[in-house]
Amino acid sequence: MSDASVVTAPPAHLIESARRLPARHLAVLAAIVALAGICAFRWGAYLLIADDALPAHVEVAVVLQGSVIGQKARLAGAMQLLQEGKVSRVLLSIPQESYWDEAVQSLARHYLEQTYGNDVAGRVDFCETGPDVNSTEDEAKALSKCILAHGWPTVAVVTSSYHTRRAGIIWSKVMEKRDPSAHLWVHAVSDPEFQPQGWWRERIYAKTTFMEFIKLVWVVFT
């Protein structure tokens, strides 16, 4: 047999290196995935927050509905903007009736007058939503009609901090269709049911974070 027909085997150390290379890649990949998981777990809740810097003055602050605790925080945040002169009016989203078939608007007006005084309460408008409104998108569509009816050119949507990124995406789409000339900002307020730092330590924080992440993913990919 000639020398040309002889196949020389590669050195043993090259074979060993080739065997080890995939394992190293897998180890690096596993480390990257683990690190990403740790970062997402520890700081991921901050991804839910998208708080816009408000201009010096906005025509109306729109308060979105939420849980009892959450809406109280949202209302307080909007009323603070009103008292500080940063907005001219507040638009409060309310259902037409309570669970006990009471008119919500009269109850809300009385609460505002007792809490903030007649002068401040007199600068609050109401937008009633029907029983078929059960999502942020439904509420945005209903409230946009009230906004257009008043002719407000600048709008600050006031909602809980964890809800700001999703609300901003939804409201931008709705207002782009209803009134592209309107200028929109999303203003975050602290919510007792959410804490981005150490959110996994309290059940209510974990529940809020988990549910909002699911809703945000749904909005982004649908």
N, C-alpha and C. Protein backbone atom coordinates (compact mmCIF):
# COMPACT_ATOMS: atom_id res chain seq x y z
N MET A 1 0.86 -1.19 0.00
CA MET A 1 0.00 0.00 0.00
C MET A 1 0.89 1.23 0.00
N SER A 2 0.53 2.24 -0.85
CA SER A 2 1.34 3.46 -0.96
C SER A 2 1.08 4.38 0.20
N ASP A 3 2.00 5.35 0.38
CA ASP A 3 1.84 6.33 1.46
C ASP A 3 0.61 7.18 1.27
N ALA A 4 0.20 7.42 0.00
CA ALA A 4 -0.95 8.29 -0.28
C ALA A 4 -2.25 7.67 0.22
N SER A 5 -2.32 6.35 0.34
CA SER A 5 -3.56 5.69 0.77
C SER A 5 -3.66 5.55 2.27
N VAL A 6 -2.65 5.96 2.98
CA VAL A 6 -2.66 5.84 4.43
C VAL A 6 -3.32 7.07 5.04
N VAL A 7 -4.37 6.85 5.84
CA VAL A 7 -5.07 7.95 6.52
C VAL A 7 -4.53 8.08 7.92
N THR A 8 -3.97 9.24 8.19
CA THR A 8 -3.38 9.46 9.51
C THR A 8 -4.43 9.97 10.49
N ALA A 9 -4.56 9.31 11.61
CA ALA A 9 -5.53 9.72 12.63
C ALA A 9 -5.09 11.02 13.28
N PRO A 10 -6.02 11.91 13.64
CA PRO A 10 -5.67 13.17 14.29
C PRO A 10 -5.10 12.91 15.66
N PRO A 11 -4.28 13.80 16.13
CA PRO A 11 -3.70 13.62 17.47
C PRO A 11 -4.78 13.47 18.54
N ALA A 12 -4.44 12.77 19.58
CA ALA A 12 -5.40 12.48 20.65
C ALA A 12 -5.89 13.75 21.33
N HIS A 13 -5.01 14.77 21.48
CA HIS A 13 -5.43 15.97 22.20
C HIS A 13 -6.45 16.78 21.41
N LEU A 14 -6.41 16.67 20.05
CA LEU A 14 -7.41 17.36 19.25
C LEU A 14 -8.78 16.68 19.37
N ILE A 15 -8.76 15.37 19.44
CA ILE A 15 -10.01 14.62 19.63
C ILE A 15 -10.65 14.99 20.96
N GLU A 16 -9.83 15.08 21.99
CA GLU A 16 -10.33 15.40 23.32
C GLU A 16 -10.89 16.81 23.36
N SER A 17 -10.22 17.74 22.67
CA SER A 17 -10.69 19.12 22.63
C SER A 17 -12.05 19.21 21.94
N ALA A 18 -12.21 18.46 20.87
CA ALA A 18 -13.47 18.46 20.13
C ALA A 18 -14.61 17.92 20.99
N ARG A 19 -14.28 16.92 21.83
CA ARG A 19 -15.30 16.36 22.71
C ARG A 19 -15.70 17.35 23.80
N ARG A 20 -14.77 18.14 24.27
CA ARG A 20 -15.04 19.06 25.37
C ARG A 20 -15.75 20.34 24.91
N LEU A 21 -15.61 20.72 23.66
CA LEU A 21 -16.13 21.99 23.18
C LEU A 21 -17.64 22.12 23.34
N PRO A 22 -18.44 21.15 22.93
CA PRO A 22 -19.89 21.27 23.13
C PRO A 22 -20.27 21.41 24.59
N ALA A 23 -19.61 20.69 25.46
CA ALA A 23 -19.92 20.78 26.88
C ALA A 23 -19.65 22.18 27.41
N ARG A 24 -18.57 22.80 26.95
CA ARG A 24 -18.27 24.17 27.38
C ARG A 24 -19.34 25.14 26.89
N HIS A 25 -19.76 24.93 25.65
CA HIS A 25 -20.81 25.79 25.10
C HIS A 25 -22.09 25.66 25.90
N LEU A 26 -22.44 24.43 26.22
CA LEU A 26 -23.65 24.20 27.01
C LEU A 26 -23.55 24.84 28.39
N ALA A 27 -22.36 24.75 28.97
CA ALA A 27 -22.17 25.34 30.29
C ALA A 27 -22.31 26.86 30.24
N VAL A 28 -21.73 27.46 29.20
CA VAL A 28 -21.84 28.91 29.04
C VAL A 28 -23.29 29.31 28.80
N LEU A 29 -23.97 28.54 27.95
CA LEU A 29 -25.38 28.82 27.67
C LEU A 29 -26.23 28.70 28.92
N ALA A 30 -25.98 27.65 29.70
CA ALA A 30 -26.73 27.46 30.95
C ALA A 30 -26.48 28.60 31.92
N ALA A 31 -25.23 29.06 31.97
CA ALA A 31 -24.90 30.18 32.86
C ALA A 31 -25.61 31.45 32.43
N ILE A 32 -25.66 31.69 31.11
CA ILE A 32 -26.34 32.89 30.59
C ILE A 32 -27.83 32.83 30.89
N VAL A 33 -28.43 31.66 30.66
CA VAL A 33 -29.85 31.50 30.93
C VAL A 33 -30.16 31.69 32.41
N ALA A 34 -29.30 31.10 33.26
CA ALA A 34 -29.50 31.24 34.71
C ALA A 34 -29.38 32.69 35.14
N LEU A 35 -28.38 33.40 34.60
CA LEU A 35 -28.19 34.80 34.94
C LEU A 35 -29.36 35.65 34.48
N ALA A 36 -29.83 35.37 33.26
CA ALA A 36 -30.99 36.10 32.74
C ALA A 36 -32.22 35.84 33.60
N GLY A 37 -32.38 34.59 34.03
CA GLY A 37 -33.51 34.25 34.89
C GLY A 37 -33.45 34.97 36.22
N ILE A 38 -32.27 35.03 36.80
CA ILE A 38 -32.10 35.72 38.08
C ILE A 38 -32.40 37.21 37.93
N CYS A 39 -31.90 37.82 36.85
CA CYS A 39 -32.14 39.25 36.60
C CYS A 39 -33.63 39.52 36.38
N ALA A 40 -34.27 38.65 35.59
CA ALA A 40 -35.69 38.82 35.33
C ALA A 40 -36.51 38.67 36.61
N PHE A 41 -36.11 37.70 37.43
CA PHE A 41 -36.83 37.47 38.68
C PHE A 41 -36.66 38.64 39.64
N ARG A 42 -35.46 39.17 39.71
CA ARG A 42 -35.16 40.21 40.70
C ARG A 42 -35.64 41.59 40.25
N TRP A 43 -35.41 41.91 38.96
CA TRP A 43 -35.71 43.26 38.48
C TRP A 43 -36.78 43.29 37.40
N GLY A 44 -37.35 42.16 37.06
CA GLY A 44 -38.31 42.11 35.97
C GLY A 44 -39.55 42.95 36.18
N ALA A 45 -39.96 43.14 37.42
CA ALA A 45 -41.18 43.91 37.69
C ALA A 45 -41.05 45.35 37.22
N TYR A 46 -39.82 45.85 37.14
CA TYR A 46 -39.63 47.22 36.68
C TYR A 46 -39.97 47.36 35.20
N LEU A 47 -39.98 46.25 34.45
CA LEU A 47 -40.34 46.30 33.04
C LEU A 47 -41.81 46.67 32.85
N LEU A 48 -42.61 46.50 33.89
CA LEU A 48 -44.03 46.84 33.79
C LEU A 48 -44.26 48.34 33.85
N ILE A 49 -43.27 49.08 34.32
CA ILE A 49 -43.44 50.52 34.58
C ILE A 49 -42.90 51.35 33.42
N ALA A 50 -43.73 52.26 32.93
CA ALA A 50 -43.32 53.20 31.88
C ALA A 50 -43.97 54.54 32.21
N ASP A 51 -43.33 55.31 33.06
CA ASP A 51 -43.87 56.58 33.55
C ASP A 51 -43.33 57.73 32.71
N ASP A 52 -44.23 58.44 32.04
CA ASP A 52 -43.82 59.56 31.19
C ASP A 52 -43.61 60.82 32.04
N ALA A 53 -42.64 61.61 31.63
CA ALA A 53 -42.44 62.93 32.25
C ALA A 53 -43.48 63.89 31.68
N LEU A 54 -44.31 64.42 32.55
CA LEU A 54 -45.38 65.30 32.10
C LEU A 54 -44.84 66.68 31.74
N PRO A 55 -45.46 67.34 30.77
CA PRO A 55 -45.08 68.73 30.48
C PRO A 55 -45.55 69.65 31.60
N ALA A 56 -45.31 70.93 31.45
CA ALA A 56 -45.68 71.88 32.50
C ALA A 56 -47.18 71.90 32.77
N HIS A 57 -47.97 71.67 31.72
CA HIS A 57 -49.43 71.70 31.90
C HIS A 57 -50.10 70.77 30.90
N VAL A 58 -51.13 70.06 31.37
CA VAL A 58 -51.94 69.17 30.55
C VAL A 58 -53.40 69.52 30.78
N GLU A 59 -54.20 69.41 29.74
CA GLU A 59 -55.61 69.80 29.86
C GLU A 59 -56.39 68.91 30.82
N VAL A 60 -56.20 67.59 30.73
CA VAL A 60 -57.01 66.69 31.56
C VAL A 60 -56.20 65.48 32.01
N ALA A 61 -56.46 65.06 33.23
CA ALA A 61 -55.91 63.81 33.76
C ALA A 61 -57.05 62.79 33.81
N VAL A 62 -56.86 61.66 33.15
CA VAL A 62 -57.89 60.63 33.08
C VAL A 62 -57.56 59.52 34.07
N VAL A 63 -58.49 59.26 34.98
CA VAL A 63 -58.27 58.25 36.01
C VAL A 63 -58.93 56.94 35.59
N LEU A 64 -58.13 55.89 35.45
CA LEU A 64 -58.65 54.59 35.04
C LEU A 64 -59.20 53.82 36.22
N GLN A 65 -60.16 52.95 35.94
CA GLN A 65 -60.73 52.11 36.97
C GLN A 65 -59.75 51.01 37.37
N GLY A 66 -59.91 50.50 38.58
CA GLY A 66 -59.08 49.42 39.07
C GLY A 66 -59.73 48.80 40.30
N SER A 67 -58.94 48.12 41.09
CA SER A 67 -59.46 47.60 42.36
C SER A 67 -59.81 48.78 43.27
N VAL A 68 -60.51 48.52 44.35
CA VAL A 68 -60.89 49.60 45.26
C VAL A 68 -59.66 50.34 45.77
N ILE A 69 -58.66 49.58 46.21
CA ILE A 69 -57.43 50.18 46.72
C ILE A 69 -56.68 50.90 45.60
N GLY A 70 -56.59 50.24 44.46
CA GLY A 70 -55.86 50.82 43.34
C GLY A 70 -56.49 52.09 42.82
N GLN A 71 -57.82 52.12 42.71
CA GLN A 71 -58.46 53.32 42.17
C GLN A 71 -58.37 54.49 43.14
N LYS A 72 -58.38 54.22 44.43
CA LYS A 72 -58.19 55.29 45.39
C LYS A 72 -56.82 55.95 45.21
N ALA A 73 -55.80 55.12 44.97
CA ALA A 73 -54.46 55.65 44.74
C ALA A 73 -54.40 56.44 43.44
N ARG A 74 -55.05 55.95 42.40
CA ARG A 74 -55.06 56.64 41.11
C ARG A 74 -55.80 57.98 41.22
N LEU A 75 -56.94 57.97 41.90
CA LEU A 75 -57.70 59.21 42.08
C LEU A 75 -56.90 60.23 42.86
N ALA A 76 -56.25 59.79 43.93
CA ALA A 76 -55.44 60.70 44.74
C ALA A 76 -54.31 61.31 43.92
N GLY A 77 -53.69 60.49 43.06
CA GLY A 77 -52.62 61.00 42.21
C GLY A 77 -53.11 62.04 41.22
N ALA A 78 -54.28 61.81 40.63
CA ALA A 78 -54.84 62.77 39.67
C ALA A 78 -55.28 64.05 40.38
N MET A 79 -55.87 63.93 41.55
CA MET A 79 -56.30 65.11 42.28
C MET A 79 -55.11 65.95 42.74
N GLN A 80 -54.00 65.31 43.01
CA GLN A 80 -52.79 66.05 43.36
C GLN A 80 -52.31 66.88 42.17
N LEU A 81 -52.36 66.30 40.98
CA LEU A 81 -52.00 67.05 39.78
C LEU A 81 -52.93 68.25 39.60
N LEU A 82 -54.21 68.05 39.89
CA LEU A 82 -55.19 69.13 39.76
C LEU A 82 -54.93 70.24 40.77
N GLN A 83 -54.67 69.87 42.02
CA GLN A 83 -54.41 70.85 43.07
C GLN A 83 -53.12 71.62 42.83
N GLU A 84 -52.15 70.97 42.21
CA GLU A 84 -50.87 71.63 41.92
C GLU A 84 -50.91 72.47 40.65
N GLY A 85 -52.04 72.44 39.95
CA GLY A 85 -52.19 73.22 38.73
C GLY A 85 -51.52 72.62 37.51
N LYS A 86 -51.16 71.36 37.58
CA LYS A 86 -50.50 70.71 36.44
C LYS A 86 -51.50 70.24 35.40
N VAL A 87 -52.76 70.09 35.80
CA VAL A 87 -53.84 69.77 34.86
C VAL A 87 -55.01 70.71 35.13
N SER A 88 -55.83 70.94 34.11
CA SER A 88 -56.98 71.84 34.26
C SER A 88 -58.21 71.09 34.76
N ARG A 89 -58.37 69.83 34.32
CA ARG A 89 -59.53 69.04 34.69
C ARG A 89 -59.10 67.60 35.00
N VAL A 90 -59.98 66.90 35.67
CA VAL A 90 -59.81 65.46 35.90
C VAL A 90 -61.03 64.76 35.35
N LEU A 91 -60.80 63.71 34.57
CA LEU A 91 -61.89 62.88 34.05
C LEU A 91 -61.84 61.55 34.77
N LEU A 92 -62.91 61.25 35.48
CA LEU A 92 -62.96 60.05 36.31
C LEU A 92 -63.82 58.99 35.62
N SER A 93 -63.23 57.84 35.37
CA SER A 93 -63.94 56.71 34.77
C SER A 93 -64.71 55.98 35.86
N ILE A 94 -66.03 55.87 35.67
CA ILE A 94 -66.87 55.21 36.67
C ILE A 94 -67.89 54.31 35.98
N PRO A 95 -68.32 53.23 36.65
CA PRO A 95 -69.43 52.43 36.12
C PRO A 95 -70.74 53.18 36.33
N GLN A 96 -71.75 52.82 35.57
CA GLN A 96 -73.03 53.51 35.69
C GLN A 96 -73.70 53.24 37.03
N GLU A 97 -73.57 52.03 37.51
CA GLU A 97 -74.22 51.65 38.77
C GLU A 97 -73.28 50.82 39.62
N SER A 98 -73.50 50.87 40.94
CA SER A 98 -72.72 50.04 41.86
C SER A 98 -73.34 48.66 41.93
N TYR A 99 -72.72 47.80 42.73
CA TYR A 99 -73.26 46.45 42.90
C TYR A 99 -74.65 46.46 43.52
N TRP A 100 -74.98 47.55 44.24
CA TRP A 100 -76.26 47.66 44.93
C TRP A 100 -77.24 48.55 44.16
N ASP A 101 -77.02 48.68 42.84
CA ASP A 101 -77.91 49.43 41.95
C ASP A 101 -78.03 50.90 42.34
N GLU A 102 -76.96 51.47 42.88
CA GLU A 102 -76.93 52.89 43.19
C GLU A 102 -76.19 53.64 42.10
N ALA A 103 -76.63 54.86 41.80
CA ALA A 103 -75.96 55.68 40.80
C ALA A 103 -74.59 56.08 41.35
N VAL A 104 -73.54 55.72 40.65
CA VAL A 104 -72.19 55.95 41.14
C VAL A 104 -71.80 57.42 41.07
N GLN A 105 -72.26 58.14 40.06
CA GLN A 105 -71.82 59.52 39.87
C GLN A 105 -72.18 60.41 41.05
N SER A 106 -73.39 60.28 41.58
CA SER A 106 -73.79 61.12 42.72
C SER A 106 -72.96 60.77 43.96
N LEU A 107 -72.67 59.50 44.15
CA LEU A 107 -71.84 59.09 45.28
C LEU A 107 -70.42 59.63 45.13
N ALA A 108 -69.89 59.54 43.90
CA ALA A 108 -68.54 60.02 43.65
C ALA A 108 -68.45 61.53 43.83
N ARG A 109 -69.45 62.27 43.36
CA ARG A 109 -69.46 63.72 43.52
C ARG A 109 -69.47 64.11 45.00
N HIS A 110 -70.27 63.42 45.77
CA HIS A 110 -70.35 63.70 47.20
C HIS A 110 -69.01 63.43 47.88
N TYR A 111 -68.37 62.32 47.52
CA TYR A 111 -67.08 61.98 48.10
C TYR A 111 -66.03 63.04 47.76
N LEU A 112 -66.00 63.48 46.52
CA LEU A 112 -65.02 64.47 46.10
C LEU A 112 -65.23 65.80 46.82
N GLU A 113 -66.48 66.20 46.97
CA GLU A 113 -66.76 67.47 47.65
C GLU A 113 -66.38 67.41 49.12
N GLN A 114 -66.65 66.27 49.74
CA GLN A 114 -66.30 66.11 51.16
C GLN A 114 -64.79 66.02 51.37
N THR A 115 -64.09 65.42 50.41
CA THR A 115 -62.65 65.18 50.56
C THR A 115 -61.80 66.36 50.10
N TYR A 116 -62.18 66.99 48.98
CA TYR A 116 -61.33 68.01 48.36
C TYR A 116 -61.95 69.40 48.34
N GLY A 117 -63.21 69.51 48.71
CA GLY A 117 -63.89 70.81 48.68
C GLY A 117 -64.60 71.02 47.36
N ASN A 118 -65.59 71.91 47.38
CA ASN A 118 -66.43 72.14 46.21
C ASN A 118 -65.67 72.70 45.01
N ASP A 119 -64.71 73.59 45.26
CA ASP A 119 -63.98 74.22 44.17
C ASP A 119 -63.18 73.20 43.36
N VAL A 120 -62.43 72.37 44.06
CA VAL A 120 -61.62 71.35 43.38
C VAL A 120 -62.53 70.28 42.76
N ALA A 121 -63.54 69.85 43.51
CA ALA A 121 -64.45 68.82 43.00
C ALA A 121 -65.21 69.31 41.77
N GLY A 122 -65.42 70.61 41.67
CA GLY A 122 -66.12 71.16 40.52
C GLY A 122 -65.34 71.07 39.23
N ARG A 123 -64.06 70.75 39.32
CA ARG A 123 -63.22 70.60 38.12
C ARG A 123 -63.01 69.14 37.75
N VAL A 124 -63.89 68.27 38.28
CA VAL A 124 -63.85 66.84 37.96
C VAL A 124 -65.05 66.49 37.10
N ASP A 125 -64.81 65.86 35.97
CA ASP A 125 -65.86 65.37 35.09
C ASP A 125 -65.92 63.85 35.18
N PHE A 126 -67.06 63.31 34.81
CA PHE A 126 -67.27 61.86 34.89
C PHE A 126 -67.54 61.28 33.51
N CYS A 127 -67.02 60.09 33.30
CA CYS A 127 -67.30 59.35 32.07
C CYS A 127 -67.79 57.97 32.48
N GLU A 128 -69.07 57.73 32.27
CA GLU A 128 -69.66 56.46 32.67
C GLU A 128 -69.39 55.38 31.62
N THR A 129 -68.99 54.22 32.10
CA THR A 129 -68.76 53.08 31.22
C THR A 129 -69.82 52.02 31.46
N GLY A 130 -70.20 51.32 30.41
CA GLY A 130 -71.24 50.32 30.51
C GLY A 130 -70.75 49.00 31.07
N PRO A 131 -71.67 48.06 31.28
CA PRO A 131 -71.32 46.76 31.85
C PRO A 131 -70.46 45.90 30.93
N ASP A 132 -70.41 46.25 29.63
CA ASP A 132 -69.62 45.47 28.68
C ASP A 132 -68.15 45.86 28.67
N VAL A 133 -67.79 46.88 29.46
CA VAL A 133 -66.39 47.30 29.55
C VAL A 133 -65.70 46.47 30.61
N ASN A 134 -64.81 45.58 30.20
CA ASN A 134 -64.13 44.70 31.17
C ASN A 134 -62.65 44.54 30.87
N SER A 135 -62.07 45.51 30.16
CA SER A 135 -60.64 45.46 29.88
C SER A 135 -60.12 46.88 29.72
N THR A 136 -58.80 47.03 29.74
CA THR A 136 -58.19 48.34 29.54
C THR A 136 -58.51 48.89 28.16
N GLU A 137 -58.53 48.02 27.15
CA GLU A 137 -58.85 48.46 25.80
C GLU A 137 -60.29 48.94 25.69
N ASP A 138 -61.22 48.20 26.29
CA ASP A 138 -62.63 48.62 26.29
C ASP A 138 -62.78 49.98 26.98
N GLU A 139 -62.10 50.13 28.09
CA GLU A 139 -62.20 51.39 28.84
C GLU A 139 -61.60 52.54 28.04
N ALA A 140 -60.48 52.30 27.37
CA ALA A 140 -59.85 53.34 26.56
C ALA A 140 -60.78 53.79 25.44
N LYS A 141 -61.45 52.86 24.81
CA LYS A 141 -62.38 53.21 23.74
C LYS A 141 -63.56 54.02 24.27
N ALA A 142 -64.07 53.64 25.45
CA ALA A 142 -65.19 54.37 26.05
C ALA A 142 -64.76 55.77 26.48
N LEU A 143 -63.60 55.88 27.12
CA LEU A 143 -63.14 57.17 27.61
C LEU A 143 -62.72 58.10 26.48
N SER A 144 -62.22 57.53 25.39
CA SER A 144 -61.81 58.38 24.27
C SER A 144 -62.99 59.15 23.70
N LYS A 145 -64.18 58.60 23.77
CA LYS A 145 -65.37 59.31 23.31
C LYS A 145 -65.64 60.54 24.17
N CYS A 146 -65.47 60.38 25.49
CA CYS A 146 -65.65 61.52 26.39
C CYS A 146 -64.58 62.58 26.17
N ILE A 147 -63.36 62.13 25.92
CA ILE A 147 -62.25 63.06 25.66
C ILE A 147 -62.52 63.87 24.39
N LEU A 148 -62.97 63.19 23.35
CA LEU A 148 -63.27 63.87 22.09
C LEU A 148 -64.44 64.82 22.24
N ALA A 149 -65.43 64.43 23.05
CA ALA A 149 -66.60 65.29 23.26
C ALA A 149 -66.22 66.61 23.92
N HIS A 150 -65.22 66.58 24.81
CA HIS A 150 -64.75 67.79 25.49
C HIS A 150 -63.71 68.54 24.66
N GLY A 151 -63.13 67.88 23.69
CA GLY A 151 -62.14 68.54 22.84
C GLY A 151 -60.81 68.79 23.52
N TRP A 152 -60.43 67.93 24.46
CA TRP A 152 -59.15 68.11 25.15
C TRP A 152 -58.00 67.67 24.25
N PRO A 153 -57.03 68.53 23.96
CA PRO A 153 -55.93 68.18 23.05
C PRO A 153 -54.77 67.46 23.74
N THR A 154 -54.66 67.62 25.05
CA THR A 154 -53.57 66.97 25.79
C THR A 154 -54.15 66.16 26.94
N VAL A 155 -53.67 64.92 27.07
CA VAL A 155 -54.27 63.97 28.02
C VAL A 155 -53.19 63.25 28.80
N ALA A 156 -53.36 63.19 30.12
CA ALA A 156 -52.49 62.40 30.98
C ALA A 156 -53.31 61.25 31.55
N VAL A 157 -52.96 60.04 31.18
CA VAL A 157 -53.64 58.86 31.71
C VAL A 157 -53.00 58.49 33.04
N VAL A 158 -53.78 58.53 34.10
CA VAL A 158 -53.27 58.28 35.45
C VAL A 158 -53.67 56.86 35.86
N THR A 159 -52.67 56.06 36.17
CA THR A 159 -52.94 54.67 36.55
C THR A 159 -51.83 54.16 37.47
N SER A 160 -52.02 52.97 38.00
CA SER A 160 -51.03 52.37 38.88
C SER A 160 -49.73 52.13 38.13
N SER A 161 -48.62 52.22 38.83
CA SER A 161 -47.31 52.11 38.18
C SER A 161 -47.17 50.81 37.40
N TYR A 162 -47.63 49.68 37.94
CA TYR A 162 -47.47 48.40 37.27
C TYR A 162 -48.29 48.33 35.98
N HIS A 163 -49.27 49.19 35.84
CA HIS A 163 -50.19 49.16 34.71
C HIS A 163 -49.78 50.12 33.60
N THR A 164 -48.76 50.95 33.84
CA THR A 164 -48.44 52.04 32.92
C THR A 164 -47.95 51.58 31.54
N ARG A 165 -47.08 50.57 31.49
CA ARG A 165 -46.56 50.17 30.18
C ARG A 165 -47.68 49.60 29.31
N ARG A 166 -48.49 48.74 29.87
CA ARG A 166 -49.57 48.14 29.08
C ARG A 166 -50.61 49.19 28.72
N ALA A 167 -50.95 50.05 29.67
CA ALA A 167 -51.92 51.11 29.39
C ALA A 167 -51.41 52.04 28.30
N GLY A 168 -50.12 52.36 28.33
CA GLY A 168 -49.55 53.24 27.32
C GLY A 168 -49.65 52.66 25.93
N ILE A 169 -49.38 51.35 25.80
CA ILE A 169 -49.47 50.68 24.49
C ILE A 169 -50.90 50.72 23.97
N ILE A 170 -51.84 50.37 24.85
CA ILE A 170 -53.24 50.30 24.44
C ILE A 170 -53.80 51.68 24.12
N TRP A 171 -53.54 52.65 24.98
CA TRP A 171 -54.07 53.99 24.77
C TRP A 171 -53.49 54.64 23.53
N SER A 172 -52.23 54.40 23.26
CA SER A 172 -51.61 54.98 22.06
C SER A 172 -52.30 54.46 20.80
N LYS A 173 -52.62 53.17 20.77
CA LYS A 173 -53.30 52.59 19.62
C LYS A 173 -54.71 53.15 19.47
N VAL A 174 -55.43 53.25 20.59
CA VAL A 174 -56.81 53.73 20.54
C VAL A 174 -56.86 55.19 20.12
N MET A 175 -56.03 56.04 20.73
CA MET A 175 -56.07 57.47 20.42
C MET A 175 -55.54 57.75 19.02
N GLU A 176 -54.65 56.91 18.52
CA GLU A 176 -54.16 57.08 17.16
C GLU A 176 -55.29 56.93 16.16
N LYS A 177 -56.25 56.06 16.48
CA LYS A 177 -57.40 55.85 15.59
C LYS A 177 -58.47 56.91 15.83
N ARG A 178 -58.71 57.27 17.09
CA ARG A 178 -59.79 58.20 17.41
C ARG A 178 -59.41 59.66 17.16
N ASP A 179 -58.21 60.06 17.57
CA ASP A 179 -57.78 61.44 17.42
C ASP A 179 -56.25 61.49 17.35
N PRO A 180 -55.69 61.34 16.15
CA PRO A 180 -54.23 61.33 16.01
C PRO A 180 -53.56 62.64 16.43
N SER A 181 -54.31 63.74 16.49
CA SER A 181 -53.73 65.03 16.87
C SER A 181 -53.56 65.18 18.37
N ALA A 182 -54.20 64.33 19.16
CA ALA A 182 -54.12 64.44 20.61
C ALA A 182 -52.74 64.01 21.10
N HIS A 183 -52.26 64.68 22.14
CA HIS A 183 -50.98 64.33 22.76
C HIS A 183 -51.25 63.57 24.06
N LEU A 184 -50.57 62.45 24.23
CA LEU A 184 -50.87 61.53 25.32
C LEU A 184 -49.64 61.25 26.18
N TRP A 185 -49.83 61.26 27.50
CA TRP A 185 -48.80 60.85 28.44
C TRP A 185 -49.42 59.88 29.43
N VAL A 186 -48.60 59.00 30.00
CA VAL A 186 -49.06 58.07 31.03
C VAL A 186 -48.34 58.41 32.33
N HIS A 187 -49.13 58.68 33.36
CA HIS A 187 -48.59 59.11 34.65
C HIS A 187 -48.77 57.99 35.68
N ALA A 188 -47.67 57.55 36.29
CA ALA A 188 -47.70 56.45 37.25
C ALA A 188 -47.91 56.94 38.67
N VAL A 189 -48.72 56.22 39.42
CA VAL A 189 -48.88 56.48 40.85
C VAL A 189 -48.57 55.19 41.62
N SER A 190 -48.09 55.34 42.82
CA SER A 190 -47.79 54.18 43.66
C SER A 190 -49.08 53.47 44.04
N ASP A 191 -49.05 52.15 44.00
CA ASP A 191 -50.22 51.34 44.30
C ASP A 191 -49.88 50.41 45.47
N PRO A 192 -50.71 50.39 46.52
CA PRO A 192 -50.43 49.52 47.67
C PRO A 192 -50.38 48.04 47.33
N GLU A 193 -50.88 47.67 46.15
CA GLU A 193 -50.91 46.26 45.77
C GLU A 193 -49.70 45.85 44.92
N PHE A 194 -48.73 46.76 44.79
CA PHE A 194 -47.58 46.45 43.94
C PHE A 194 -46.32 47.09 44.49
N GLN A 195 -45.23 46.31 44.47
CA GLN A 195 -43.92 46.79 44.86
C GLN A 195 -42.89 46.10 43.96
N PRO A 196 -42.23 46.84 43.06
CA PRO A 196 -41.30 46.19 42.12
C PRO A 196 -40.07 45.60 42.78
N GLN A 197 -39.62 46.18 43.86
CA GLN A 197 -38.45 45.65 44.55
C GLN A 197 -38.88 44.59 45.57
N GLY A 198 -38.39 43.38 45.38
CA GLY A 198 -38.77 42.29 46.27
C GLY A 198 -40.22 41.89 46.13
N TRP A 199 -40.75 41.95 44.89
CA TRP A 199 -42.16 41.68 44.65
C TRP A 199 -42.57 40.26 45.04
N TRP A 200 -41.62 39.35 45.08
CA TRP A 200 -41.94 37.95 45.38
C TRP A 200 -42.13 37.70 46.89
N ARG A 201 -41.85 38.68 47.71
CA ARG A 201 -41.91 38.47 49.16
C ARG A 201 -43.33 38.59 49.73
N GLU A 202 -44.22 39.26 49.00
CA GLU A 202 -45.59 39.42 49.45
C GLU A 202 -46.55 38.83 48.41
N ARG A 203 -47.55 38.13 48.89
CA ARG A 203 -48.48 37.44 47.99
C ARG A 203 -49.16 38.43 47.04
N ILE A 204 -49.64 39.54 47.54
CA ILE A 204 -50.37 40.49 46.71
C ILE A 204 -49.46 41.10 45.65
N TYR A 205 -48.19 41.36 46.01
CA TYR A 205 -47.25 41.90 45.03
C TYR A 205 -46.97 40.87 43.93
N ALA A 206 -46.77 39.64 44.35
CA ALA A 206 -46.48 38.57 43.39
C ALA A 206 -47.67 38.34 42.46
N LYS A 207 -48.86 38.35 43.02
CA LYS A 207 -50.06 38.14 42.21
C LYS A 207 -50.22 39.26 41.18
N THR A 208 -50.06 40.50 41.63
CA THR A 208 -50.19 41.65 40.73
C THR A 208 -49.15 41.59 39.62
N THR A 209 -47.89 41.30 39.98
CA THR A 209 -46.81 41.24 39.00
C THR A 209 -47.04 40.13 37.99
N PHE A 210 -47.38 38.95 38.46
CA PHE A 210 -47.58 37.81 37.57
C PHE A 210 -48.72 38.05 36.60
N MET A 211 -49.86 38.53 37.11
CA MET A 211 -51.02 38.76 36.26
C MET A 211 -50.75 39.86 35.23
N GLU A 212 -50.05 40.91 35.65
CA GLU A 212 -49.78 42.01 34.73
C GLU A 212 -48.80 41.58 33.64
N PHE A 213 -47.84 40.74 33.97
CA PHE A 213 -46.91 40.23 32.97
C PHE A 213 -47.65 39.44 31.89
N ILE A 214 -48.58 38.61 32.30
CA ILE A 214 -49.35 37.82 31.35
C ILE A 214 -50.15 38.75 30.43
N LYS A 215 -50.78 39.76 31.01
CA LYS A 215 -51.58 40.70 30.21
C LYS A 215 -50.69 41.52 29.27
N LEU A 216 -49.52 41.90 29.74
CA LEU A 216 -48.61 42.66 28.90
C LEU A 216 -48.12 41.85 27.71
N VAL A 217 -47.75 40.60 27.95
CA VAL A 217 -47.32 39.72 26.86
C VAL A 217 -48.44 39.55 25.84
N TRP A 218 -49.66 39.40 26.33
CA TRP A 218 -50.81 39.23 25.45
C TRP A 218 -50.98 40.47 24.56
N VAL A 219 -50.86 41.66 25.15
CA VAL A 219 -51.02 42.90 24.39
C VAL A 219 -49.90 43.06 23.35
N VAL A 220 -48.69 42.72 23.72
CA VAL A 220 -47.55 42.90 22.83
C VAL A 220 -47.62 41.97 21.63
N PHE A 221 -48.07 40.74 21.84
CA PHE A 221 -48.01 39.74 20.77
C PHE A 221 -49.36 39.47 20.10
N THR A 222 -50.35 40.31 20.35
CA THR A 222 -51.64 40.13 19.69
C THR A 222 -52.01 41.39 18.94
